[in-house]
N, C-alpha and C. Protein backbone atom coordinates (compact mmCIF):
# COMPACT_ATOMS: atom_id res chain seq x y z
N MET A 1 116.36 -172.38 -98.01
CA MET A 1 115.52 -173.16 -98.73
C MET A 1 114.26 -172.69 -99.35
N MET A 2 114.06 -172.65 -100.00
CA MET A 2 111.86 -172.24 -100.27
C MET A 2 110.78 -173.33 -100.24
N LEU A 3 110.01 -172.99 -99.18
CA LEU A 3 108.67 -173.98 -98.77
C LEU A 3 108.15 -173.81 -99.82
N LEU A 4 107.78 -175.91 -100.12
CA LEU A 4 106.86 -176.12 -101.18
C LEU A 4 106.56 -175.14 -101.81
N GLU A 5 105.31 -174.64 -100.85
CA GLU A 5 104.34 -174.39 -101.21
C GLU A 5 104.51 -172.68 -102.53
N GLU A 6 106.01 -171.82 -101.95
CA GLU A 6 106.62 -170.44 -102.33
C GLU A 6 107.35 -171.56 -104.11
N GLU A 7 107.47 -172.87 -104.10
CA GLU A 7 108.05 -172.92 -104.90
C GLU A 7 107.25 -173.83 -106.33
N LEU A 8 106.34 -174.62 -105.76
CA LEU A 8 105.33 -173.83 -106.59
C LEU A 8 104.13 -172.93 -107.37
N ALA A 9 103.81 -171.78 -106.78
CA ALA A 9 103.80 -170.81 -107.07
C ALA A 9 104.70 -170.41 -108.17
N LEU A 10 105.55 -169.94 -107.75
CA LEU A 10 106.44 -169.78 -108.67
C LEU A 10 106.78 -171.07 -110.23
N VAL A 11 106.05 -171.60 -110.32
CA VAL A 11 106.16 -172.67 -111.29
C VAL A 11 105.11 -172.00 -111.65
N GLU A 12 104.05 -172.61 -111.27
CA GLU A 12 103.25 -171.90 -111.68
C GLU A 12 103.03 -170.59 -112.73
N ARG A 13 104.47 -169.75 -111.75
CA ARG A 13 103.86 -168.26 -112.70
C ARG A 13 104.97 -168.50 -114.26
N ALA A 14 106.04 -169.04 -113.74
CA ALA A 14 106.59 -169.78 -115.04
C ALA A 14 106.40 -170.13 -116.03
N LYS A 15 105.41 -171.10 -115.61
CA LYS A 15 104.35 -171.55 -116.72
C LYS A 15 103.32 -170.73 -117.62
N ALA A 16 102.82 -169.94 -117.18
CA ALA A 16 102.16 -169.13 -117.69
C ALA A 16 103.62 -167.26 -118.37
N GLY A 17 104.60 -168.06 -118.59
CA GLY A 17 105.49 -167.26 -118.99
C GLY A 17 105.98 -166.40 -118.14
N GLU A 18 105.30 -165.88 -116.81
CA GLU A 18 106.69 -164.67 -116.51
C GLU A 18 108.75 -165.38 -116.10
N LYS A 19 109.09 -164.81 -117.46
CA LYS A 19 110.35 -165.01 -116.47
C LYS A 19 110.91 -164.47 -115.46
N THR A 20 110.43 -163.75 -114.78
CA THR A 20 111.26 -163.26 -113.23
C THR A 20 110.67 -164.19 -112.34
N ALA A 21 110.48 -165.38 -112.59
CA ALA A 21 109.27 -166.54 -112.00
C ALA A 21 110.81 -167.51 -111.78
N ILE A 22 110.86 -168.24 -113.45
CA ILE A 22 112.00 -168.42 -113.83
C ILE A 22 113.32 -167.79 -112.94
N GLY A 23 113.66 -166.68 -113.07
CA GLY A 23 115.10 -166.23 -112.31
C GLY A 23 114.62 -166.74 -110.89
N SER A 24 113.47 -166.53 -109.62
CA SER A 24 113.52 -166.89 -108.33
C SER A 24 113.79 -168.13 -108.64
N LEU A 25 113.53 -169.09 -110.08
CA LEU A 25 113.64 -170.60 -109.49
C LEU A 25 115.35 -170.87 -109.56
N TRP A 26 115.43 -170.46 -110.48
CA TRP A 26 117.37 -170.13 -111.08
C TRP A 26 118.11 -169.83 -109.64
N ASP A 27 117.52 -168.62 -109.06
CA ASP A 27 118.87 -168.50 -108.25
C ASP A 27 118.48 -169.47 -106.84
N ALA A 28 117.42 -170.03 -106.40
CA ALA A 28 116.91 -170.24 -105.43
C ALA A 28 117.26 -171.97 -105.66
N ILE A 29 117.87 -172.63 -106.60
CA ILE A 29 117.93 -174.01 -106.44
C ILE A 29 119.69 -174.13 -107.39
N THR A 30 119.73 -173.95 -108.45
CA THR A 30 121.00 -173.97 -108.69
C THR A 30 122.30 -173.68 -108.01
N PRO A 31 122.07 -173.17 -106.60
CA PRO A 31 123.99 -173.82 -106.02
C PRO A 31 123.66 -174.91 -105.70
N LYS A 32 122.89 -175.09 -105.17
CA LYS A 32 122.89 -176.95 -104.69
C LYS A 32 122.89 -178.04 -105.69
N LEU A 33 122.33 -177.22 -106.85
CA LEU A 33 122.50 -178.13 -107.58
C LEU A 33 123.91 -178.21 -108.79
N TYR A 34 123.70 -177.20 -108.82
CA TYR A 34 125.36 -176.73 -109.16
C TYR A 34 126.58 -177.79 -108.43
N GLY A 35 125.87 -177.75 -107.20
CA GLY A 35 126.99 -178.60 -105.93
C GLY A 35 127.63 -179.90 -106.32
N TYR A 36 125.80 -180.44 -106.15
CA TYR A 36 125.89 -182.26 -106.74
C TYR A 36 126.17 -182.20 -108.13
N LEU A 37 126.20 -181.30 -109.55
CA LEU A 37 126.56 -181.62 -110.44
C LEU A 37 128.51 -181.44 -110.28
N VAL A 38 129.54 -180.62 -109.61
CA VAL A 38 130.53 -180.55 -109.62
C VAL A 38 130.51 -182.21 -108.94
N HIS A 39 130.19 -181.56 -107.60
CA HIS A 39 130.87 -183.24 -107.24
C HIS A 39 130.23 -184.50 -107.32
N THR A 40 129.45 -184.74 -108.38
CA THR A 40 129.16 -185.88 -109.06
C THR A 40 130.09 -186.17 -109.98
N LEU A 41 130.42 -185.33 -110.89
CA LEU A 41 131.08 -184.93 -111.89
C LEU A 41 132.38 -184.55 -112.32
N ARG A 42 132.18 -184.25 -111.31
CA ARG A 42 134.58 -183.71 -110.91
C ARG A 42 135.17 -183.53 -112.27
N ASP A 43 134.24 -182.47 -112.65
CA ASP A 43 134.56 -181.17 -113.31
C ASP A 43 133.49 -180.25 -113.93
N THR A 44 134.29 -179.05 -113.15
CA THR A 44 133.71 -177.85 -113.28
C THR A 44 132.96 -177.54 -114.24
N HIS A 45 134.08 -177.35 -116.32
CA HIS A 45 133.15 -177.13 -116.66
C HIS A 45 132.01 -178.00 -117.24
N LEU A 46 131.92 -179.08 -117.05
CA LEU A 46 130.93 -180.24 -117.73
C LEU A 46 129.89 -180.36 -116.60
N ALA A 47 130.32 -179.93 -115.62
CA ALA A 47 128.37 -179.22 -113.93
C ALA A 47 128.37 -178.51 -114.91
N GLU A 48 129.11 -177.51 -115.63
CA GLU A 48 128.62 -175.54 -115.70
C GLU A 48 127.39 -176.46 -117.53
N ASP A 49 128.01 -177.08 -117.60
CA ASP A 49 127.15 -177.40 -119.00
C ASP A 49 125.73 -178.48 -119.18
N ILE A 50 126.37 -179.48 -118.16
CA ILE A 50 124.97 -180.13 -117.75
C ILE A 50 124.02 -179.23 -116.99
N LEU A 51 124.68 -178.69 -115.76
CA LEU A 51 123.58 -177.56 -115.33
C LEU A 51 122.89 -176.63 -116.25
N GLN A 52 124.06 -176.10 -117.35
CA GLN A 52 122.93 -175.29 -118.40
C GLN A 52 121.97 -176.72 -118.89
N GLU A 53 122.34 -177.23 -119.69
CA GLU A 53 120.85 -178.07 -120.29
C GLU A 53 119.80 -178.95 -119.72
N THR A 54 119.88 -179.34 -118.16
CA THR A 54 119.49 -179.68 -117.21
C THR A 54 118.12 -178.27 -117.09
N TRP A 55 118.36 -177.15 -117.30
CA TRP A 55 117.23 -176.75 -116.97
C TRP A 55 116.92 -175.98 -118.08
N LEU A 56 117.47 -176.38 -119.71
CA LEU A 56 116.90 -176.08 -120.51
C LEU A 56 115.61 -177.06 -121.02
N LYS A 57 116.06 -178.58 -120.31
CA LYS A 57 114.72 -178.78 -120.65
C LYS A 57 113.92 -179.33 -120.16
N ALA A 58 114.44 -178.25 -118.73
CA ALA A 58 112.96 -178.75 -117.70
C ALA A 58 112.05 -177.09 -118.15
N ILE A 59 112.82 -176.28 -118.19
CA ILE A 59 111.93 -175.06 -119.23
C ILE A 59 111.09 -174.99 -120.33
N ARG A 60 111.98 -176.17 -121.03
CA ARG A 60 111.43 -176.60 -122.42
C ARG A 60 109.76 -176.69 -122.04
N LYS A 61 110.31 -178.47 -120.81
CA LYS A 61 109.10 -179.04 -120.59
C LYS A 61 107.71 -178.65 -119.56
N ILE A 62 108.49 -177.68 -118.61
CA ILE A 62 107.86 -176.63 -117.38
C ILE A 62 106.40 -177.43 -117.60
N ASP A 63 105.88 -176.72 -119.01
CA ASP A 63 104.30 -177.77 -118.96
C ASP A 63 104.28 -179.24 -118.15
N GLN A 64 104.55 -180.00 -118.45
CA GLN A 64 104.80 -181.15 -118.44
C GLN A 64 105.11 -181.63 -116.79
N PHE A 65 105.57 -180.44 -115.43
CA PHE A 65 105.65 -181.20 -114.58
C PHE A 65 104.34 -180.80 -113.56
N GLN A 66 103.94 -181.76 -112.90
CA GLN A 66 103.37 -181.81 -111.51
C GLN A 66 103.58 -182.25 -110.92
N PRO A 67 103.52 -181.02 -109.65
CA PRO A 67 103.57 -181.20 -108.49
C PRO A 67 103.12 -182.53 -107.63
N ARG A 68 101.96 -182.91 -107.90
CA ARG A 68 101.88 -184.19 -107.37
C ARG A 68 102.35 -184.56 -105.29
N ASN A 69 102.92 -183.36 -105.00
CA ASN A 69 103.22 -182.44 -104.02
C ASN A 69 104.23 -182.93 -103.99
N VAL A 70 105.03 -183.03 -104.83
CA VAL A 70 106.94 -182.92 -104.92
C VAL A 70 107.45 -181.85 -105.28
N ARG A 71 108.63 -181.46 -104.88
CA ARG A 71 108.78 -180.31 -105.49
C ARG A 71 110.16 -180.19 -107.08
N PHE A 72 109.90 -179.16 -107.68
CA PHE A 72 110.32 -178.52 -108.20
C PHE A 72 111.37 -179.05 -108.62
N SER A 73 111.85 -178.80 -107.38
CA SER A 73 113.64 -178.85 -107.65
C SER A 73 113.99 -180.21 -107.72
N ALA A 74 112.82 -181.23 -107.23
CA ALA A 74 113.49 -182.35 -107.09
C ALA A 74 112.96 -182.80 -108.52
N TRP A 75 111.94 -182.72 -109.38
CA TRP A 75 112.67 -182.47 -110.71
C TRP A 75 113.30 -182.40 -111.36
N LEU A 76 114.22 -181.05 -111.17
CA LEU A 76 115.24 -180.60 -111.56
C LEU A 76 116.12 -181.87 -111.06
N PHE A 77 116.27 -182.61 -110.34
CA PHE A 77 117.57 -183.01 -110.32
C PHE A 77 117.71 -183.98 -110.67
N ALA A 78 116.00 -184.33 -110.64
CA ALA A 78 115.94 -186.35 -111.57
C ALA A 78 116.86 -185.76 -113.06
N ILE A 79 115.95 -184.26 -114.04
CA ILE A 79 117.26 -184.64 -114.47
C ILE A 79 118.25 -184.29 -115.19
N ALA A 80 119.31 -183.78 -114.16
CA ALA A 80 120.47 -183.53 -113.73
C ALA A 80 120.82 -184.72 -113.87
N ARG A 81 120.26 -185.36 -113.19
CA ARG A 81 120.76 -187.39 -113.00
C ARG A 81 120.76 -187.93 -113.93
N ASN A 82 119.53 -187.99 -115.21
CA ASN A 82 119.42 -188.59 -116.54
C ASN A 82 120.33 -187.98 -117.23
N GLU A 83 120.59 -186.67 -117.24
CA GLU A 83 122.18 -185.79 -118.37
C GLU A 83 123.41 -186.09 -117.58
N CYS A 84 123.64 -186.46 -116.75
CA CYS A 84 124.71 -187.61 -115.84
C CYS A 84 124.73 -188.51 -117.02
N ARG A 85 123.92 -189.51 -116.27
CA ARG A 85 123.80 -190.70 -116.89
C ARG A 85 123.51 -190.76 -118.61
N GLU A 86 122.93 -189.94 -119.06
CA GLU A 86 123.57 -189.95 -120.25
C GLU A 86 125.13 -189.41 -121.52
N HIS A 87 125.01 -188.74 -120.15
CA HIS A 87 127.28 -188.10 -121.17
C HIS A 87 127.56 -189.36 -120.29
N TRP A 88 128.04 -189.74 -119.69
CA TRP A 88 128.68 -191.31 -119.38
C TRP A 88 128.25 -191.84 -120.28
N ARG A 89 126.93 -192.37 -120.82
CA ARG A 89 126.62 -193.59 -121.68
C ARG A 89 127.18 -193.04 -122.83
N LYS A 90 127.20 -192.17 -123.70
CA LYS A 90 127.66 -191.75 -125.31
C LYS A 90 128.77 -191.65 -124.98
N ASN A 91 129.73 -191.18 -124.41
CA ASN A 91 130.98 -191.22 -123.71
C ASN A 91 131.75 -191.96 -123.11
N LYS A 92 131.22 -193.52 -123.06
CA LYS A 92 131.14 -194.62 -122.45
C LYS A 92 131.93 -194.01 -120.97
N LYS A 93 131.62 -193.68 -120.71
CA LYS A 93 132.60 -192.98 -118.83
C LYS A 93 131.66 -194.09 -117.76
N THR A 94 132.81 -194.47 -117.28
CA THR A 94 131.71 -194.11 -115.45
C THR A 94 132.42 -193.27 -115.07
N VAL A 95 131.37 -193.70 -113.36
CA VAL A 95 131.17 -192.26 -112.68
C VAL A 95 132.92 -192.28 -111.76
N VAL A 96 133.59 -190.93 -111.72
CA VAL A 96 135.00 -191.23 -110.61
C VAL A 96 134.73 -191.90 -109.08
N VAL A 97 135.26 -193.08 -109.24
CA VAL A 97 135.52 -194.04 -107.81
C VAL A 97 136.80 -193.22 -107.07
N ASP A 98 137.60 -192.14 -107.32
CA ASP A 98 137.99 -191.30 -106.32
C ASP A 98 138.20 -190.56 -106.42
N ASP A 99 137.40 -189.87 -104.42
CA ASP A 99 136.84 -189.00 -104.16
C ASP A 99 137.93 -187.79 -103.54
N THR A 100 139.62 -188.32 -103.59
CA THR A 100 140.19 -186.95 -103.69
C THR A 100 140.47 -186.15 -103.91
N ASP A 101 140.17 -185.88 -105.44
CA ASP A 101 140.27 -184.47 -105.80
C ASP A 101 139.06 -184.14 -106.56
N ILE A 102 138.70 -183.32 -105.21
CA ILE A 102 137.53 -182.32 -105.32
C ILE A 102 137.97 -181.08 -105.73
N PRO A 103 137.21 -180.79 -107.26
CA PRO A 103 136.88 -179.13 -108.04
C PRO A 103 137.58 -177.84 -106.55
N ASP A 104 138.48 -177.91 -106.84
CA ASP A 104 138.30 -176.41 -105.61
C ASP A 104 137.44 -175.32 -106.66
N LEU A 105 137.09 -175.23 -107.25
CA LEU A 105 136.05 -174.35 -107.05
C LEU A 105 134.42 -174.73 -106.59
N PHE A 106 134.87 -175.92 -106.29
CA PHE A 106 133.50 -177.12 -105.39
C PHE A 106 134.35 -176.42 -103.29
N VAL A 107 135.54 -176.13 -103.63
CA VAL A 107 135.55 -175.93 -102.55
C VAL A 107 135.21 -174.62 -101.81
N VAL A 108 136.06 -173.65 -102.80
CA VAL A 108 135.85 -172.19 -102.79
C VAL A 108 134.47 -171.59 -102.32
N LYS A 109 133.07 -172.23 -103.38
CA LYS A 109 131.96 -171.98 -103.18
C LYS A 109 131.60 -171.90 -101.43
N GLU A 110 132.13 -171.23 -100.69
CA GLU A 110 131.58 -172.04 -99.07
C GLU A 110 131.48 -173.15 -98.66
N MET A 111 131.54 -174.05 -98.79
CA MET A 111 131.33 -176.16 -98.43
C MET A 111 131.23 -175.62 -96.79
N SER A 112 129.98 -175.95 -96.81
CA SER A 112 130.17 -176.07 -95.28
C SER A 112 130.22 -176.83 -94.73
N THR A 113 130.67 -176.73 -93.13
CA THR A 113 130.95 -178.40 -92.57
C THR A 113 130.36 -179.35 -92.84
N ASP A 114 129.11 -179.69 -92.63
CA ASP A 114 128.52 -180.90 -93.14
C ASP A 114 129.08 -180.89 -94.29
N SER A 115 129.03 -180.62 -95.06
CA SER A 115 129.22 -180.19 -97.37
C SER A 115 130.33 -181.85 -96.72
N ILE A 116 131.71 -181.19 -96.12
CA ILE A 116 132.93 -181.42 -95.92
C ILE A 116 132.75 -182.87 -95.15
N PHE A 117 131.96 -183.23 -94.03
CA PHE A 117 132.21 -184.16 -94.09
C PHE A 117 131.25 -185.32 -94.33
N VAL A 118 130.04 -184.76 -94.98
CA VAL A 118 129.49 -185.66 -96.17
C VAL A 118 131.02 -185.79 -96.89
N GLU A 119 131.41 -185.51 -97.46
CA GLU A 119 132.62 -185.58 -98.46
C GLU A 119 133.62 -186.92 -97.92
N GLU A 120 133.86 -186.51 -96.35
CA GLU A 120 134.78 -187.42 -95.72
C GLU A 120 134.09 -188.74 -95.70
N LEU A 121 132.96 -188.67 -95.82
CA LEU A 121 132.15 -189.90 -95.34
C LEU A 121 131.73 -191.11 -96.64
N LEU A 122 131.71 -190.11 -98.19
CA LEU A 122 131.76 -190.82 -99.40
C LEU A 122 132.58 -191.79 -99.66
N THR A 123 134.09 -191.24 -99.04
CA THR A 123 135.04 -192.57 -100.03
C THR A 123 135.71 -193.62 -99.21
N GLY A 124 135.72 -194.41 -100.31
CA GLY A 124 135.13 -195.50 -99.79
C GLY A 124 134.06 -196.64 -99.83
N LEU A 125 133.28 -195.65 -100.69
CA LEU A 125 131.44 -195.91 -100.78
C LEU A 125 131.57 -196.42 -101.97
N ASP A 126 130.30 -197.70 -102.55
CA ASP A 126 130.00 -197.41 -104.17
C ASP A 126 128.71 -196.36 -104.39
N GLU A 127 129.02 -196.41 -105.45
CA GLU A 127 128.54 -195.28 -106.41
C GLU A 127 127.14 -195.06 -105.78
N GLU A 128 126.35 -195.95 -105.24
CA GLU A 128 125.36 -196.10 -105.38
C GLU A 128 124.63 -195.20 -104.13
N ASP A 129 125.46 -195.78 -103.15
CA ASP A 129 125.72 -195.09 -101.91
C ASP A 129 125.74 -193.32 -101.48
N ARG A 130 126.68 -193.34 -102.92
CA ARG A 130 128.16 -192.08 -102.84
C ARG A 130 126.03 -191.55 -103.31
N GLU A 131 125.46 -191.74 -104.18
CA GLU A 131 124.51 -191.14 -105.42
C GLU A 131 123.66 -191.18 -103.95
N ILE A 132 123.47 -191.59 -103.15
CA ILE A 132 122.22 -191.37 -101.96
C ILE A 132 122.64 -190.31 -101.60
N LEU A 133 123.38 -190.32 -100.77
CA LEU A 133 124.33 -189.57 -99.92
C LEU A 133 124.19 -188.41 -100.53
N ARG A 134 124.91 -188.27 -101.68
CA ARG A 134 125.91 -186.64 -102.74
C ARG A 134 123.16 -186.17 -102.61
N LEU A 135 122.50 -186.90 -102.76
CA LEU A 135 121.63 -186.81 -102.58
C LEU A 135 120.70 -186.07 -101.27
N ARG A 136 120.66 -186.69 -100.24
CA ARG A 136 119.96 -185.40 -99.21
C ARG A 136 120.73 -185.29 -98.61
N TYR A 137 121.86 -185.26 -98.68
CA TYR A 137 122.95 -184.13 -97.81
C TYR A 137 124.12 -182.94 -99.39
N ILE A 138 124.28 -183.24 -100.16
CA ILE A 138 124.64 -182.33 -100.10
C ILE A 138 123.92 -181.54 -101.33
N ALA A 139 123.17 -182.24 -101.58
CA ALA A 139 121.74 -181.34 -102.67
C ALA A 139 121.17 -180.93 -101.63
N ASP A 140 120.97 -181.81 -100.52
CA ASP A 140 120.16 -181.58 -98.83
C ASP A 140 118.56 -181.23 -99.43
N LEU A 141 118.55 -182.67 -100.16
CA LEU A 141 116.49 -183.44 -100.39
C LEU A 141 116.23 -183.96 -99.52
N PRO A 142 114.98 -183.30 -99.26
CA PRO A 142 114.10 -184.24 -97.58
C PRO A 142 114.44 -185.56 -98.76
N PHE A 143 113.77 -186.65 -97.47
CA PHE A 143 113.96 -188.00 -98.37
C PHE A 143 112.47 -188.24 -99.20
N LYS A 144 111.22 -187.39 -99.08
CA LYS A 144 110.19 -187.66 -100.74
C LYS A 144 111.18 -187.63 -101.44
N GLU A 145 111.70 -186.39 -101.03
CA GLU A 145 112.50 -186.37 -103.03
C GLU A 145 113.61 -186.63 -103.40
N VAL A 146 114.77 -187.10 -102.68
CA VAL A 146 114.84 -188.43 -102.90
C VAL A 146 114.54 -189.47 -103.39
N ALA A 147 114.20 -189.95 -102.98
CA ALA A 147 113.36 -191.37 -103.44
C ALA A 147 112.22 -191.04 -104.96
N ARG A 148 111.80 -189.50 -104.87
CA ARG A 148 111.36 -189.20 -106.06
C ARG A 148 112.17 -189.34 -107.28
N VAL A 149 113.79 -188.62 -106.59
CA VAL A 149 114.85 -188.85 -107.85
C VAL A 149 115.60 -189.53 -108.49
N LEU A 150 115.74 -190.81 -107.34
CA LEU A 150 116.17 -192.47 -107.57
C LEU A 150 114.67 -193.46 -107.86
N SER A 151 113.43 -192.91 -107.90
CA SER A 151 112.59 -193.61 -108.38
C SER A 151 111.92 -194.73 -107.42
N ILE A 152 112.46 -194.44 -106.63
CA ILE A 152 112.19 -196.00 -105.03
C ILE A 152 111.57 -194.84 -104.38
N SER A 153 110.86 -195.57 -102.78
CA SER A 153 109.63 -195.18 -102.01
C SER A 153 110.85 -194.08 -100.75
N PRO A 154 110.11 -193.96 -100.71
CA PRO A 154 110.51 -192.64 -99.59
C PRO A 154 111.15 -193.49 -97.98
N ILE A 155 110.43 -194.84 -97.63
CA ILE A 155 110.87 -195.03 -96.51
C ILE A 155 112.62 -196.51 -97.80
N ALA A 156 112.49 -196.76 -99.05
CA ALA A 156 113.23 -197.60 -99.11
C ALA A 156 114.19 -196.08 -99.03
N ALA A 157 114.40 -195.08 -99.67
CA ALA A 157 115.66 -193.89 -99.27
C ALA A 157 116.03 -193.56 -98.20
N ARG A 158 114.74 -194.05 -96.85
CA ARG A 158 115.59 -193.40 -95.55
C ARG A 158 116.78 -195.23 -95.44
N VAL A 159 115.68 -196.22 -95.44
CA VAL A 159 117.14 -197.40 -95.41
C VAL A 159 118.44 -197.41 -95.84
N ARG A 160 117.75 -197.16 -97.14
CA ARG A 160 119.42 -196.85 -97.82
C ARG A 160 120.47 -195.29 -97.74
N VAL A 161 119.67 -194.67 -97.29
CA VAL A 161 120.52 -193.35 -96.37
C VAL A 161 121.35 -194.44 -95.07
N HIS A 162 119.93 -194.78 -94.13
CA HIS A 162 120.90 -195.03 -92.61
C HIS A 162 121.66 -197.10 -93.28
N ARG A 163 121.64 -197.17 -94.52
CA ARG A 163 122.79 -198.53 -94.79
C ARG A 163 123.81 -197.36 -95.19
N ALA A 164 123.89 -196.89 -96.09
CA ALA A 164 125.03 -195.69 -96.53
C ALA A 164 125.85 -195.22 -95.49
N LEU A 165 124.98 -194.72 -94.28
CA LEU A 165 125.85 -194.40 -93.42
C LEU A 165 126.82 -195.29 -92.62
N ALA A 166 125.14 -196.33 -92.17
CA ALA A 166 126.17 -197.24 -90.94
C ALA A 166 127.65 -197.46 -92.33
N LYS A 167 127.89 -198.25 -93.51
CA LYS A 167 129.14 -198.38 -93.88
C LYS A 167 129.88 -197.53 -94.05
N ALA A 168 129.31 -196.25 -94.42
CA ALA A 168 130.53 -195.15 -93.92
C ALA A 168 130.68 -195.18 -93.11
N ARG A 169 130.07 -194.70 -91.78
CA ARG A 169 130.96 -194.47 -90.13
C ARG A 169 132.12 -196.31 -89.94
N SER A 170 131.13 -196.96 -90.78
CA SER A 170 132.73 -198.05 -90.45
C SER A 170 133.51 -198.55 -91.67
N ASN A 171 133.76 -197.20 -92.53
CA ASN A 171 135.09 -197.12 -92.91
C ASN A 171 135.58 -196.15 -92.43
N ILE A 172 135.30 -195.11 -91.72
CA ILE A 172 135.30 -194.17 -90.83
C ILE A 172 136.82 -195.18 -89.83
N GLU A 173 135.64 -195.64 -88.95
CA GLU A 173 136.47 -196.40 -88.14
C GLU A 173 137.57 -197.02 -88.68
N THR A 174 137.56 -197.90 -89.29
CA THR A 174 138.36 -198.92 -90.42
C THR A 174 139.75 -198.12 -90.13
N THR A 175 140.09 -196.93 -90.52
CA THR A 175 140.77 -196.10 -91.35
C THR A 175 141.78 -195.78 -89.61
């Protein structure tokens, strides 16, 4: 993961019109963002579309990004999350509850042991708990950035992650 200062420096260069800075941001952020989208949407083609739409919106509005000691990547995840919601709203669909059908492409993309463990934990949780654990452990966002994406305080993010993990542990122990 890129340091906050590096990320913000790239954003400033991108704001100045430097295309290589956008490319560097893309290379650093896209793998985790794509994994998050595939895991959330359960459709690799839709994840690719929303990934592209997320980046297009971010690039168009990059001048509006104000760091306030928050990562650009957290802002991007918030855009992606809103794009998912918008897609579900337009298509009158809800989030897929069945976590047993993980797209093969997601597995092939060198899923880490931690991600596999998180995937097991997510089974049986409600969508709110799955979402916060996806952001924290699959997207690997720090609590401060999870809080920013979900529009809650960092303390609330920590508490919700802790509660979601407790529910997941309970689910695993009862199976």
